[in-house]
Amino acid sequence: GKLLPLKYGKSLPAQSRNPHGTHPVYGSSGMVGTHSAALTNGPTL
């Protein structure tokens, strides 16, 4: 909690995603699509 605090992901329904976007969309099982915007600023776990 002090060294590597977690942040919550944000809902992005499949119908709202841009399938031609350059930013990957991730769920708990891995990459689930793409979008034109990103929630994070760089490399992400």
All heavy atoms as atom14 arrays in JSON, in Angstrom:
{
  "sequence": "GKLLPLKYGKSLPAQSRNPHGTHPVYGSSGMVGTHSAALTNGPTL",
  "atom14_mask": [
    [1, 1, 1, 1, 0, 0, 0, 0, 0, 0, 0, 0, 0, 0],
    [1, 1, 1, 1, 1, 1, 1, 1, 1, 0, 0, 0, 0, 0],
    [1, 1, 1, 1, 1, 1, 1, 1, 0, 0, 0, 0, 0, 0],
    [1, 1, 1, 1, 1, 1, 1, 1, 0, 0, 0, 0, 0, 0],
    [1, 1, 1, 1, 1, 1, 1, 0, 0, 0, 0, 0, 0, 0],
    [1, 1, 1, 1, 1, 1, 1, 1, 0, 0, 0, 0, 0, 0],
    [1, 1, 1, 1, 1, 1, 1, 1, 1, 0, 0, 0, 0, 0],
    [1, 1, 1, 1, 1, 1, 1, 1, 1, 1, 1, 1, 0, 0],
    [1, 1, 1, 1, 0, 0, 0, 0, 0, 0, 0, 0, 0, 0],
    [1, 1, 1, 1, 1, 1, 1, 1, 1, 0, 0, 0, 0, 0],
    [1, 1, 1, 1, 1, 1, 0, 0, 0, 0, 0, 0, 0, 0],
    [1, 1, 1, 1, 1, 1, 1, 1, 0, 0, 0, 0, 0, 0],
    [1, 1, 1, 1, 1, 1, 1, 0, 0, 0, 0, 0, 0, 0],
    [1, 1, 1, 1, 1, 0, 0, 0, 0, 0, 0, 0, 0, 0],
    [1, 1, 1, 1, 1, 1, 1, 1, 1, 0, 0, 0, 0, 0],
    [1, 1, 1, 1, 1, 1, 0, 0, 0, 0, 0, 0, 0, 0],
    [1, 1, 1, 1, 1, 1, 1, 1, 1, 1, 1, 0, 0, 0],
    [1, 1, 1, 1, 1, 1, 1, 1, 0, 0, 0, 0, 0, 0],
    [1, 1, 1, 1, 1, 1, 1, 0, 0, 0, 0, 0, 0, 0],
    [1, 1, 1, 1, 1, 1, 1, 1, 1, 1, 0, 0, 0, 0],
    [1, 1, 1, 1, 0, 0, 0, 0, 0, 0, 0, 0, 0, 0],
    [1, 1, 1, 1, 1, 1, 1, 0, 0, 0, 0, 0, 0, 0],
    [1, 1, 1, 1, 1, 1, 1, 1, 1, 1, 0, 0, 0, 0],
    [1, 1, 1, 1, 1, 1, 1, 0, 0, 0, 0, 0, 0, 0],
    [1, 1, 1, 1, 1, 1, 1, 0, 0, 0, 0, 0, 0, 0],
    [1, 1, 1, 1, 1, 1, 1, 1, 1, 1, 1, 1, 0, 0],
    [1, 1, 1, 1, 0, 0, 0, 0, 0, 0, 0, 0, 0, 0],
    [1, 1, 1, 1, 1, 1, 0, 0, 0, 0, 0, 0, 0, 0],
    [1, 1, 1, 1, 1, 1, 0, 0, 0, 0, 0, 0, 0, 0],
    [1, 1, 1, 1, 0, 0, 0, 0, 0, 0, 0, 0, 0, 0],
    [1, 1, 1, 1, 1, 1, 1, 1, 0, 0, 0, 0, 0, 0],
    [1, 1, 1, 1, 1, 1, 1, 0, 0, 0, 0, 0, 0, 0],
    [1, 1, 1, 1, 0, 0, 0, 0, 0, 0, 0, 0, 0, 0],
    [1, 1, 1, 1, 1, 1, 1, 0, 0, 0, 0, 0, 0, 0],
    [1, 1, 1, 1, 1, 1, 1, 1, 1, 1, 0, 0, 0, 0],
    [1, 1, 1, 1, 1, 1, 0, 0, 0, 0, 0, 0, 0, 0],
    [1, 1, 1, 1, 1, 0, 0, 0, 0, 0, 0, 0, 0, 0],
    [1, 1, 1, 1, 1, 0, 0, 0, 0, 0, 0, 0, 0, 0],
    [1, 1, 1, 1, 1, 1, 1, 1, 0, 0, 0, 0, 0, 0],
    [1, 1, 1, 1, 1, 1, 1, 0, 0, 0, 0, 0, 0, 0],
    [1, 1, 1, 1, 1, 1, 1, 1, 0, 0, 0, 0, 0, 0],
    [1, 1, 1, 1, 0, 0, 0, 0, 0, 0, 0, 0, 0, 0],
    [1, 1, 1, 1, 1, 1, 1, 0, 0, 0, 0, 0, 0, 0],
    [1, 1, 1, 1, 1, 1, 1, 0, 0, 0, 0, 0, 0, 0],
    [1, 1, 1, 1, 1, 1, 1, 1, 0, 0, 0, 0, 0, 0]
  ],
  "atom14_positions": [
    [[0.81, -1.21, 0.0], [0.0, 0.0, 0.0], [0.84, 1.26, 0.0], [0.44, 2.29, -0.55], [0.0, 0.0, 0.0], [0.0, 0.0, 0.0], [0.0, 0.0, 0.0], [0.0, 0.0, 0.0], [0.0, 0.0, 0.0], [0.0, 0.0, 0.0], [0.0, 0.0, 0.0], [0.0, 0.0, 0.0], [0.0, 0.0, 0.0], [0.0, 0.0, 0.0]],
    [[2.03, 1.21, 0.62], [2.91, 2.38, 0.65], [3.86, 2.4, -0.55], [4.16, 3.45, -1.1], [3.72, 2.38, 1.94], [2.87, 2.64, 3.19], [3.74, 2.66, 4.43], [2.9, 2.96, 5.67], [3.72, 2.97, 6.9], [0.0, 0.0, 0.0], [0.0, 0.0, 0.0], [0.0, 0.0, 0.0], [0.0, 0.0, 0.0], [0.0, 0.0, 0.0]],
    [[4.33, 1.21, -0.94], [5.33, 1.15, -2.01], [4.72, 1.23, -3.41], [5.28, 1.85, -4.3], [6.11, -0.16, -1.9], [7.03, -0.29, -0.68], [7.53, -1.72, -0.55], [8.2, 0.68, -0.8], [0.0, 0.0, 0.0], [0.0, 0.0, 0.0], [0.0, 0.0, 0.0], [0.0, 0.0, 0.0], [0.0, 0.0, 0.0], [0.0, 0.0, 0.0]],
    [[3.57, 0.58, -3.58], [3.0, 0.46, -4.93], [1.48, 0.5, -4.85], [0.8, -0.49, -5.06], [3.46, -0.87, -5.55], [3.44, -0.98, -7.07], [4.46, -0.05, -7.7], [3.71, -2.41, -7.5], [0.0, 0.0, 0.0], [0.0, 0.0, 0.0], [0.0, 0.0, 0.0], [0.0, 0.0, 0.0], [0.0, 0.0, 0.0], [0.0, 0.0, 0.0]],
    [[0.91, 1.66, -4.49], [-0.55, 1.77, -4.29], [-1.32, 1.55, -5.6], [-0.9, 1.99, -6.67], [-0.73, 3.18, -3.76], [0.46, 3.93, -4.24], [1.6, 2.96, -4.27], [0.0, 0.0, 0.0], [0.0, 0.0, 0.0], [0.0, 0.0, 0.0], [0.0, 0.0, 0.0], [0.0, 0.0, 0.0], [0.0, 0.0, 0.0], [0.0, 0.0, 0.0]],
    [[-2.45, 0.86, -5.48], [-3.31, 0.57, -6.63], [-4.31, 1.7, -6.86], [-4.8, 2.31, -5.91], [-4.08, -0.73, -6.4], [-3.28, -2.02, -6.26], [-4.22, -3.17, -5.9], [-2.52, -2.34, -7.54], [0.0, 0.0, 0.0], [0.0, 0.0, 0.0], [0.0, 0.0, 0.0], [0.0, 0.0, 0.0], [0.0, 0.0, 0.0], [0.0, 0.0, 0.0]],
    [[-4.64, 1.91, -8.14], [-5.7, 2.83, -8.51], [-6.81, 2.04, -9.2], [-6.55, 1.01, -9.82], [-5.18, 3.92, -9.45], [-4.05, 4.76, -8.86], [-3.53, 5.75, -9.88], [-2.34, 6.55, -9.33], [-1.79, 7.5, -10.34], [0.0, 0.0, 0.0], [0.0, 0.0, 0.0], [0.0, 0.0, 0.0], [0.0, 0.0, 0.0], [0.0, 0.0, 0.0]],
    [[-8.03, 2.54, -9.1], [-9.16, 1.87, -9.74], [-9.21, 2.19, -11.23], [-9.0, 3.34, -11.64], [-10.48, 2.29, -9.1], [-10.74, 1.68, -7.75], [-10.5, 2.39, -6.57], [-11.25, 0.39, -7.65], [-10.75, 1.82, -5.33], [-11.5, -0.19, -6.41], [-11.25, 0.52, -5.25], [-11.49, -0.04, -4.03], [0.0, 0.0, 0.0], [0.0, 0.0, 0.0]],
    [[-9.52, 1.16, -12.03], [-9.81, 1.4, -13.43], [-11.15, 2.1, -13.58], [-11.9, 2.27, -12.62], [0.0, 0.0, 0.0], [0.0, 0.0, 0.0], [0.0, 0.0, 0.0], [0.0, 0.0, 0.0], [0.0, 0.0, 0.0], [0.0, 0.0, 0.0], [0.0, 0.0, 0.0], [0.0, 0.0, 0.0], [0.0, 0.0, 0.0], [0.0, 0.0, 0.0]],
    [[-11.45, 2.5, -14.8], [-12.67, 3.26, -15.07], [-13.48, 2.57, -16.15], [-12.95, 2.12, -17.16], [-12.32, 4.68, -15.51], [-13.51, 5.61, -15.67], [-13.05, 7.01, -16.01], [-14.24, 7.96, -16.2], [-13.79, 9.34, -16.54], [0.0, 0.0, 0.0], [0.0, 0.0, 0.0], [0.0, 0.0, 0.0], [0.0, 0.0, 0.0], [0.0, 0.0, 0.0]],
    [[-14.79, 2.52, -15.95], [-15.68, 1.84, -16.9], [-15.54, 2.42, -18.3], [-15.44, 3.64, -18.49], [-17.13, 1.98, -16.43], [-18.01, 1.41, -17.38], [0.0, 0.0, 0.0], [0.0, 0.0, 0.0], [0.0, 0.0, 0.0], [0.0, 0.0, 0.0], [0.0, 0.0, 0.0], [0.0, 0.0, 0.0], [0.0, 0.0, 0.0], [0.0, 0.0, 0.0]],
    [[-15.52, 1.52, -19.28], [-15.5, 1.91, -20.69], [-16.21, 0.81, -21.48], [-15.58, -0.14, -21.94], [-14.07, 2.1, -21.2], [-13.92, 2.61, -22.64], [-14.48, 4.02, -22.79], [-12.47, 2.56, -23.08], [0.0, 0.0, 0.0], [0.0, 0.0, 0.0], [0.0, 0.0, 0.0], [0.0, 0.0, 0.0], [0.0, 0.0, 0.0], [0.0, 0.0, 0.0]],
    [[-17.55, 0.9, -21.6], [-18.31, -0.15, -22.29], [-17.79, -0.39, -23.7], [-17.26, 0.52, -24.35], [-19.74, 0.4, -22.3], [-19.78, 1.39, -21.17], [-18.41, 1.99, -21.11], [0.0, 0.0, 0.0], [0.0, 0.0, 0.0], [0.0, 0.0, 0.0], [0.0, 0.0, 0.0], [0.0, 0.0, 0.0], [0.0, 0.0, 0.0], [0.0, 0.0, 0.0]],
    [[-17.95, -1.61, -24.17], [-17.44, -1.99, -25.49], [-17.96, -1.08, -26.59], [-17.23, -0.71, -27.52], [-17.79, -3.45, -25.78], [0.0, 0.0, 0.0], [0.0, 0.0, 0.0], [0.0, 0.0, 0.0], [0.0, 0.0, 0.0], [0.0, 0.0, 0.0], [0.0, 0.0, 0.0], [0.0, 0.0, 0.0], [0.0, 0.0, 0.0], [0.0, 0.0, 0.0]],
    [[-19.24, -0.69, -26.49], [-19.83, 0.15, -27.54], [-19.26, 1.57, -27.54], [-19.44, 2.31, -28.52], [-21.36, 0.19, -27.42], [-21.88, 0.78, -26.12], [-22.08, -0.26, -25.05], [-21.45, -1.32, -25.09], [-22.98, 0.01, -24.1], [0.0, 0.0, 0.0], [0.0, 0.0, 0.0], [0.0, 0.0, 0.0], [0.0, 0.0, 0.0], [0.0, 0.0, 0.0]],
    [[-18.6, 1.95, -26.44], [-18.03, 3.3, -26.37], [-16.57, 3.35, -26.81], [-15.99, 4.43, -26.93], [-18.13, 3.83, -24.93], [-19.48, 3.87, -24.5], [0.0, 0.0, 0.0], [0.0, 0.0, 0.0], [0.0, 0.0, 0.0], [0.0, 0.0, 0.0], [0.0, 0.0, 0.0], [0.0, 0.0, 0.0], [0.0, 0.0, 0.0], [0.0, 0.0, 0.0]],
    [[-15.97, 2.19, -27.04], [-14.56, 2.15, -27.42], [-14.37, 2.41, -28.91], [-15.27, 2.16, -29.72], [-13.95, 0.79, -27.07], [-14.05, 0.46, -25.59], [-13.69, -1.0, -25.32], [-14.15, -1.4, -23.99], [-14.24, -2.64, -23.57], [-13.9, -3.64, -24.37], [-14.67, -2.9, -22.35], [0.0, 0.0, 0.0], [0.0, 0.0, 0.0], [0.0, 0.0, 0.0]],
    [[-13.2, 2.9, -29.25], [-12.84, 3.11, -30.65], [-12.0, 1.92, -31.11], [-10.84, 1.79, -30.71], [-12.05, 4.41, -30.8], [-11.64, 4.68, -32.24], [-11.89, 3.86, -33.13], [-11.01, 5.82, -32.46], [0.0, 0.0, 0.0], [0.0, 0.0, 0.0], [0.0, 0.0, 0.0], [0.0, 0.0, 0.0], [0.0, 0.0, 0.0], [0.0, 0.0, 0.0]],
    [[-12.57, 1.04, -31.94], [-11.82, -0.16, -32.35], [-10.58, 0.16, -33.18], [-9.73, -0.7, -33.37], [-12.85, -0.96, -33.16], [-13.84, 0.06, -33.63], [-13.91, 1.1, -32.56], [0.0, 0.0, 0.0], [0.0, 0.0, 0.0], [0.0, 0.0, 0.0], [0.0, 0.0, 0.0], [0.0, 0.0, 0.0], [0.0, 0.0, 0.0], [0.0, 0.0, 0.0]],
    [[-10.49, 1.41, -33.68], [-9.32, 1.81, -34.47], [-8.36, 2.66, -33.65], [-7.39, 3.21, -34.19], [-9.77, 2.58, -35.71], [-10.78, 1.85, -36.55], [-10.48, 0.69, -37.23], [-12.11, 2.1, -36.78], [-11.56, 0.26, -37.86], [-12.56, 1.09, -37.6], [0.0, 0.0, 0.0], [0.0, 0.0, 0.0], [0.0, 0.0, 0.0], [0.0, 0.0, 0.0]],
    [[-8.63, 2.78, -32.34], [-7.77, 3.59, -31.48], [-6.4, 2.97, -31.29], [-6.19, 1.78, -31.54], [0.0, 0.0, 0.0], [0.0, 0.0, 0.0], [0.0, 0.0, 0.0], [0.0, 0.0, 0.0], [0.0, 0.0, 0.0], [0.0, 0.0, 0.0], [0.0, 0.0, 0.0], [0.0, 0.0, 0.0], [0.0, 0.0, 0.0], [0.0, 0.0, 0.0]],
    [[-5.47, 3.77, -30.8], [-4.09, 3.3, -30.62], [-3.77, 2.94, -29.17], [-2.68, 2.44, -28.89], [-3.11, 4.39, -31.08], [-3.36, 5.59, -30.34], [-3.26, 4.66, -32.57], [0.0, 0.0, 0.0], [0.0, 0.0, 0.0], [0.0, 0.0, 0.0], [0.0, 0.0, 0.0], [0.0, 0.0, 0.0], [0.0, 0.0, 0.0], [0.0, 0.0, 0.0]],
    [[-4.71, 3.18, -28.27], [-4.47, 2.89, -26.86], [-5.18, 1.59, -26.47], [-6.41, 1.48, -26.64], [-4.97, 4.03, -25.97], [-4.28, 5.33, -26.23], [-2.99, 5.58, -25.82], [-4.7, 6.44, -26.89], [-2.64, 6.81, -26.19], [-3.66, 7.34, -26.85], [0.0, 0.0, 0.0], [0.0, 0.0, 0.0], [0.0, 0.0, 0.0], [0.0, 0.0, 0.0]],
    [[-4.43, 0.61, -25.94], [-5.08, -0.65, -25.55], [-6.01, -0.47, -24.36], [-5.77, 0.37, -23.48], [-3.9, -1.56, -25.2], [-2.76, -0.64, -24.9], [-2.97, 0.6, -25.72], [0.0, 0.0, 0.0], [0.0, 0.0, 0.0], [0.0, 0.0, 0.0], [0.0, 0.0, 0.0], [0.0, 0.0, 0.0], [0.0, 0.0, 0.0], [0.0, 0.0, 0.0]],
    [[-7.08, -1.26, -24.36], [-8.02, -1.31, -23.23], [-7.81, -2.64, -22.52], [-7.79, -3.69, -23.16], [-9.47, -1.18, -23.71], [-10.44, -1.3, -22.54], [-9.69, 0.14, -24.45], [0.0, 0.0, 0.0], [0.0, 0.0, 0.0], [0.0, 0.0, 0.0], [0.0, 0.0, 0.0], [0.0, 0.0, 0.0], [0.0, 0.0, 0.0], [0.0, 0.0, 0.0]],
    [[-7.63, -2.57, -21.19], [-7.34, -3.78, -20.42], [-8.43, -4.05, -19.39], [-8.93, -3.13, -18.74], [-6.01, -3.65, -19.67], [-4.78, -3.92, -20.51], [-4.17, -2.9, -21.23], [-4.24, -5.2, -20.58], [-3.04, -3.13, -22.0], [-3.11, -5.45, -21.35], [-2.52, -4.43, -22.05], [-1.4, -4.67, -22.82], [0.0, 0.0, 0.0], [0.0, 0.0, 0.0]],
    [[-8.74, -5.35, -19.25], [-9.55, -5.83, -18.14], [-8.72, -6.78, -17.32], [-7.51, -6.93, -17.54], [0.0, 0.0, 0.0], [0.0, 0.0, 0.0], [0.0, 0.0, 0.0], [0.0, 0.0, 0.0], [0.0, 0.0, 0.0], [0.0, 0.0, 0.0], [0.0, 0.0, 0.0], [0.0, 0.0, 0.0], [0.0, 0.0, 0.0], [0.0, 0.0, 0.0]],
    [[-9.34, -7.48, -16.4], [-8.59, -8.37, -15.53], [-8.0, -9.57, -16.28], [-7.03, -10.17, -15.84], [-9.48, -8.87, -14.4], [-10.57, -9.6, -14.91], [0.0, 0.0, 0.0], [0.0, 0.0, 0.0], [0.0, 0.0, 0.0], [0.0, 0.0, 0.0], [0.0, 0.0, 0.0], [0.0, 0.0, 0.0], [0.0, 0.0, 0.0], [0.0, 0.0, 0.0]],
    [[-8.57, -9.9, -17.45], [-8.08, -11.04, -18.23], [-7.05, -10.64, -19.27], [-6.53, -11.49, -19.99], [-9.25, -11.75, -18.91], [-9.92, -10.86, -19.79], [0.0, 0.0, 0.0], [0.0, 0.0, 0.0], [0.0, 0.0, 0.0], [0.0, 0.0, 0.0], [0.0, 0.0, 0.0], [0.0, 0.0, 0.0], [0.0, 0.0, 0.0], [0.0, 0.0, 0.0]],
    [[-6.77, -9.36, -19.4], [-5.82, -8.9, -20.4], [-6.42, -7.87, -21.32], [-7.45, -7.24, -21.0], [0.0, 0.0, 0.0], [0.0, 0.0, 0.0], [0.0, 0.0, 0.0], [0.0, 0.0, 0.0], [0.0, 0.0, 0.0], [0.0, 0.0, 0.0], [0.0, 0.0, 0.0], [0.0, 0.0, 0.0], [0.0, 0.0, 0.0], [0.0, 0.0, 0.0]],
    [[-5.81, -7.69, -22.48], [-6.29, -6.68, -23.43], [-7.64, -7.1, -24.01], [-7.82, -8.23, -24.47], [-5.27, -6.51, -24.56], [-5.6, -5.4, -25.53], [-4.25, -5.13, -26.72], [-5.07, -4.04, -27.9], [0.0, 0.0, 0.0], [0.0, 0.0, 0.0], [0.0, 0.0, 0.0], [0.0, 0.0, 0.0], [0.0, 0.0, 0.0], [0.0, 0.0, 0.0]],
    [[-8.61, -6.17, -23.98], [-9.97, -6.48, -24.44], [-10.42, -5.57, -25.57], [-11.56, -5.64, -26.0], [-10.98, -6.39, -23.28], [-10.7, -7.48, -22.25], [-10.96, -5.02, -22.61], [0.0, 0.0, 0.0], [0.0, 0.0, 0.0], [0.0, 0.0, 0.0], [0.0, 0.0, 0.0], [0.0, 0.0, 0.0], [0.0, 0.0, 0.0], [0.0, 0.0, 0.0]],
    [[-9.54, -4.69, -26.07], [-9.91, -3.79, -27.15], [-8.96, -2.61, -27.23], [-7.87, -2.62, -26.64], [0.0, 0.0, 0.0], [0.0, 0.0, 0.0], [0.0, 0.0, 0.0], [0.0, 0.0, 0.0], [0.0, 0.0, 0.0], [0.0, 0.0, 0.0], [0.0, 0.0, 0.0], [0.0, 0.0, 0.0], [0.0, 0.0, 0.0], [0.0, 0.0, 0.0]],
    [[-9.39, -1.6, -27.96], [-8.6, -0.37, -28.1], [-9.51, 0.83, -27.96], [-10.74, 0.72, -28.04], [-7.89, -0.31, -29.46], [-8.88, -0.34, -30.51], [-6.91, -1.46, -29.65], [0.0, 0.0, 0.0], [0.0, 0.0, 0.0], [0.0, 0.0, 0.0], [0.0, 0.0, 0.0], [0.0, 0.0, 0.0], [0.0, 0.0, 0.0], [0.0, 0.0, 0.0]],
    [[-8.88, 2.01, -27.76], [-9.65, 3.24, -27.64], [-8.78, 4.41, -28.11], [-7.56, 4.3, -28.22], [-10.1, 3.45, -26.19], [-11.14, 4.51, -26.03], [-12.25, 4.59, -26.83], [-11.23, 5.56, -25.16], [-13.0, 5.62, -26.46], [-12.39, 6.22, -25.45], [0.0, 0.0, 0.0], [0.0, 0.0, 0.0], [0.0, 0.0, 0.0], [0.0, 0.0, 0.0]],
    [[-9.43, 5.53, -28.39], [-8.71, 6.71, -28.88], [-8.11, 7.54, -27.76], [-7.33, 8.46, -28.01], [-9.66, 7.58, -29.71], [-10.85, 7.85, -28.98], [0.0, 0.0, 0.0], [0.0, 0.0, 0.0], [0.0, 0.0, 0.0], [0.0, 0.0, 0.0], [0.0, 0.0, 0.0], [0.0, 0.0, 0.0], [0.0, 0.0, 0.0], [0.0, 0.0, 0.0]],
    [[-8.47, 7.24, -26.5], [-7.93, 7.97, -25.36], [-7.38, 6.96, -24.35], [-7.71, 5.79, -24.38], [-9.0, 8.84, -24.71], [0.0, 0.0, 0.0], [0.0, 0.0, 0.0], [0.0, 0.0, 0.0], [0.0, 0.0, 0.0], [0.0, 0.0, 0.0], [0.0, 0.0, 0.0], [0.0, 0.0, 0.0], [0.0, 0.0, 0.0], [0.0, 0.0, 0.0]],
    [[-6.5, 7.46, -23.47], [-5.91, 6.62, -22.44], [-6.24, 7.17, -21.06], [-6.42, 8.37, -20.88], [-4.4, 6.53, -22.63], [0.0, 0.0, 0.0], [0.0, 0.0, 0.0], [0.0, 0.0, 0.0], [0.0, 0.0, 0.0], [0.0, 0.0, 0.0], [0.0, 0.0, 0.0], [0.0, 0.0, 0.0], [0.0, 0.0, 0.0], [0.0, 0.0, 0.0]],
    [[-6.3, 6.28, -20.09], [-6.53, 6.67, -18.7], [-5.2, 6.86, -17.96], [-5.13, 7.59, -16.99], [-7.37, 5.59, -18.0], [-7.9, 5.88, -16.6], [-8.83, 7.08, -16.6], [-8.62, 4.65, -16.05], [0.0, 0.0, 0.0], [0.0, 0.0, 0.0], [0.0, 0.0, 0.0], [0.0, 0.0, 0.0], [0.0, 0.0, 0.0], [0.0, 0.0, 0.0]],
    [[-4.14, 6.22, -18.47], [-2.83, 6.31, -17.83], [-1.9, 7.16, -18.7], [-2.2, 7.44, -19.86], [-2.22, 4.92, -17.6], [-1.91, 4.34, -18.88], [-3.19, 4.03, -16.87], [0.0, 0.0, 0.0], [0.0, 0.0, 0.0], [0.0, 0.0, 0.0], [0.0, 0.0, 0.0], [0.0, 0.0, 0.0], [0.0, 0.0, 0.0], [0.0, 0.0, 0.0]],
    [[-0.76, 7.53, -18.12], [0.15, 8.45, -18.81], [1.37, 7.79, -19.42], [2.12, 8.43, -20.17], [0.62, 9.53, -17.82], [-0.54, 10.36, -17.3], [-1.37, 10.85, -18.08], [-0.63, 10.5, -15.98], [0.0, 0.0, 0.0], [0.0, 0.0, 0.0], [0.0, 0.0, 0.0], [0.0, 0.0, 0.0], [0.0, 0.0, 0.0], [0.0, 0.0, 0.0]],
    [[1.63, 6.54, -19.08], [2.82, 5.86, -19.59], [2.71, 4.37, -19.37], [1.6, 3.83, -19.23], [0.0, 0.0, 0.0], [0.0, 0.0, 0.0], [0.0, 0.0, 0.0], [0.0, 0.0, 0.0], [0.0, 0.0, 0.0], [0.0, 0.0, 0.0], [0.0, 0.0, 0.0], [0.0, 0.0, 0.0], [0.0, 0.0, 0.0], [0.0, 0.0, 0.0]],
    [[3.84, 3.67, -19.28], [3.8, 2.24, -19.0], [2.98, 1.95, -17.75], [3.05, 2.69, -16.76], [5.27, 1.88, -18.81], [6.0, 2.9, -19.63], [5.22, 4.17, -19.48], [0.0, 0.0, 0.0], [0.0, 0.0, 0.0], [0.0, 0.0, 0.0], [0.0, 0.0, 0.0], [0.0, 0.0, 0.0], [0.0, 0.0, 0.0], [0.0, 0.0, 0.0]],
    [[2.22, 0.87, -17.81], [1.23, 0.59, -16.75], [1.19, -0.9, -16.42], [1.31, -1.74, -17.32], [-0.18, 1.02, -17.21], [-0.13, 2.36, -17.71], [-1.18, 0.93, -16.08], [0.0, 0.0, 0.0], [0.0, 0.0, 0.0], [0.0, 0.0, 0.0], [0.0, 0.0, 0.0], [0.0, 0.0, 0.0], [0.0, 0.0, 0.0], [0.0, 0.0, 0.0]],
    [[1.0, -1.19, -15.15], [0.65, -2.54, -14.72], [-0.84, -2.59, -14.47], [-1.4, -1.7, -13.82], [1.38, -2.93, -13.44], [2.89, -3.12, -13.49], [3.4, -3.63, -12.15], [3.29, -4.05, -14.61], [0.0, 0.0, 0.0], [0.0, 0.0, 0.0], [0.0, 0.0, 0.0], [0.0, 0.0, 0.0], [0.0, 0.0, 0.0], [0.0, 0.0, 0.0]]
  ]
}
